């Protein structure tokens, strides 16, 4: 699209429409790239969570000082 716009004279009847189409395409590409990055980050978080859940290490719980009804999980290395 950019190459088409590059070779289209500015006084051509389609020039403005080509410019708008290129801007829209760039916006969509940016949104897709951002969504892809977010999905990759989420997958990394899920992988870490899974590795922690499946870890075979000793642990114990202690009450949380801010809220005694909540227990914190302490993992020993």
C-alpha atoms as a PDB file:
ATOM      1  CA  UNK A   1       0.000   0.000   0.000  1.00  0.00           C
ATOM      2  CA  UNK A   2       2.847   2.349   0.846  1.00  0.00           C
ATOM      3  CA  UNK A   3       4.490   1.698  -2.520  1.00  0.00           C
ATOM      4  CA  UNK A   4       1.192   2.306  -4.292  1.00  0.00           C
ATOM      5  CA  UNK A   5       0.829   5.608  -2.480  1.00  0.00           C
ATOM      6  CA  UNK A   6       4.457   6.474  -3.272  1.00  0.00           C
ATOM      7  CA  UNK A   7       3.814   6.207  -7.002  1.00  0.00           C
ATOM      8  CA  UNK A   8       0.379   7.853  -6.981  1.00  0.00           C
ATOM      9  CA  UNK A   9       0.431  11.547  -7.857  1.00  0.00           C
ATOM     10  CA  UNK A  10      -0.887  13.797  -5.081  1.00  0.00           C
ATOM     11  CA  UNK A  11      -3.458  15.266  -7.441  1.00  0.00           C
ATOM     12  CA  UNK A  12      -4.886  11.795  -8.277  1.00  0.00           C
ATOM     13  CA  UNK A  13      -8.484  11.289  -7.175  1.00  0.00           C
ATOM     14  CA  UNK A  14      -7.551   8.215  -5.114  1.00  0.00           C
ATOM     15  CA  UNK A  15      -4.570   9.734  -3.309  1.00  0.00           C
ATOM     16  CA  UNK A  16      -6.426  10.819  -0.158  1.00  0.00           C
ATOM     17  CA  UNK A  17      -8.279   7.497   0.060  1.00  0.00           C
ATOM     18  CA  UNK A  18      -4.982   5.633  -0.289  1.00  0.00           C
ATOM     19  CA  UNK A  19      -3.495   7.760   2.508  1.00  0.00           C
ATOM     20  CA  UNK A  20      -6.437   7.002   4.801  1.00  0.00           C
ATOM     21  CA  UNK A  21      -6.295   3.300   3.942  1.00  0.00           C
ATOM     22  CA  UNK A  22      -2.566   3.191   4.740  1.00  0.00           C
ATOM     23  CA  UNK A  23      -3.153   4.932   8.077  1.00  0.00           C
ATOM     24  CA  UNK A  24      -5.923   2.452   8.949  1.00  0.00           C
ATOM     25  CA  UNK A  25      -3.718  -0.495   7.986  1.00  0.00           C
ATOM     26  CA  UNK A  26      -0.873   0.827  10.152  1.00  0.00           C
ATOM     27  CA  UNK A  27      -3.290   1.210  13.078  1.00  0.00           C
ATOM     28  CA  UNK A  28      -4.489  -2.369  12.672  1.00  0.00           C
ATOM     29  CA  UNK A  29      -0.904  -3.661  12.458  1.00  0.00           C
ATOM     30  CA  UNK A  30       0.014  -1.780  15.643  1.00  0.00           C
ATOM     31  CA  UNK A  31      -3.016  -3.231  17.449  1.00  0.00           C
ATOM     32  CA  UNK A  32      -2.219  -6.768  16.289  1.00  0.00           C
ATOM     33  CA  UNK A  33       1.418  -6.390  17.376  1.00  0.00           C
ATOM     34  CA  UNK A  34       0.388  -5.102  20.805  1.00  0.00           C
ATOM     35  CA  UNK A  35      -2.109  -7.944  21.242  1.00  0.00           C
ATOM     36  CA  UNK A  36       0.552 -10.439  20.217  1.00  0.00           C
ATOM     37  CA  UNK A  37       3.015  -9.040  22.780  1.00  0.00           C
ATOM     38  CA  UNK A  38       0.363  -9.153  25.503  1.00  0.00           C
ATOM     39  CA  UNK A  39      -0.498 -12.761  24.627  1.00  0.00           C
ATOM     40  CA  UNK A  40       3.191 -13.685  24.784  1.00  0.00           C
ATOM     41  CA  UNK A  41       3.551 -11.992  28.181  1.00  0.00           C
ATOM     42  CA  UNK A  42       0.481 -13.787  29.478  1.00  0.00           C
ATOM     43  CA  UNK A  43       1.856 -17.112  28.269  1.00  0.00           C
ATOM     44  CA  UNK A  44       5.116 -16.456  30.118  1.00  0.00           C
ATOM     45  CA  UNK A  45       3.175 -15.728  33.306  1.00  0.00           C
ATOM     46  CA  UNK A  46       1.169 -18.931  32.889  1.00  0.00           C
ATOM     47  CA  UNK A  47       4.368 -20.907  32.317  1.00  0.00           C
ATOM     48  CA  UNK A  48       5.927 -19.520  35.507  1.00  0.00           C
ATOM     49  CA  UNK A  49       2.742 -20.204  37.443  1.00  0.00           C
ATOM     50  CA  UNK A  50       2.654 -23.782  36.162  1.00  0.00           C
ATOM     51  CA  UNK A  51       6.290 -24.337  37.102  1.00  0.00           C
ATOM     52  CA  UNK A  52       5.597 -23.064  40.616  1.00  0.00           C
ATOM     53  CA  UNK A  53       2.492 -25.205  41.013  1.00  0.00           C
ATOM     54  CA  UNK A  54       4.363 -28.297  39.844  1.00  0.00           C
ATOM     55  CA  UNK A  55       7.520 -27.540  41.848  1.00  0.00           C
ATOM     56  CA  UNK A  56       8.693 -30.222  44.252  1.00  0.00           C
ATOM     57  CA  UNK A  57      10.072 -28.004  47.014  1.00  0.00           C
ATOM     58  CA  UNK A  58       9.230 -27.885  50.730  1.00  0.00           C
ATOM     59  CA  UNK A  59       6.953 -25.070  51.794  1.00  0.00           C
ATOM     60  CA  UNK A  60       4.964 -23.858  54.784  1.00  0.00           C
ATOM     61  CA  UNK A  61       2.337 -21.202  55.406  1.00  0.00           C
ATOM     62  CA  UNK A  62       2.290 -18.321  57.843  1.00  0.00           C
ATOM     63  CA  UNK A  63      -0.475 -15.827  58.608  1.00  0.00           C
ATOM     64  CA  UNK A  64      -0.338 -12.554  56.748  1.00  0.00           C
ATOM     65  CA  UNK A  65       0.349  -9.671  59.183  1.00  0.00           C
ATOM     66  CA  UNK A  66      -2.076  -7.385  57.346  1.00  0.00           C
ATOM     67  CA  UNK A  67      -4.925  -9.888  57.288  1.00  0.00           C
ATOM     68  CA  UNK A  68      -4.710 -12.899  59.628  1.00  0.00           C
ATOM     69  CA  UNK A  69      -7.412 -14.711  57.651  1.00  0.00           C
ATOM     70  CA  UNK A  70      -5.022 -14.917  54.682  1.00  0.00           C
ATOM     71  CA  UNK A  71      -2.089 -17.315  54.755  1.00  0.00           C
ATOM     72  CA  UNK A  72       1.082 -16.670  52.808  1.00  0.00           C
ATOM     73  CA  UNK A  73       2.922 -19.503  51.141  1.00  0.00           C
ATOM     74  CA  UNK A  74       6.647 -19.526  51.850  1.00  0.00           C
ATOM     75  CA  UNK A  75       8.822 -21.667  49.613  1.00  0.00           C
ATOM     76  CA  UNK A  76      12.222 -22.815  50.810  1.00  0.00           C
ATOM     77  CA  UNK A  77      15.058 -23.346  48.377  1.00  0.00           C
END
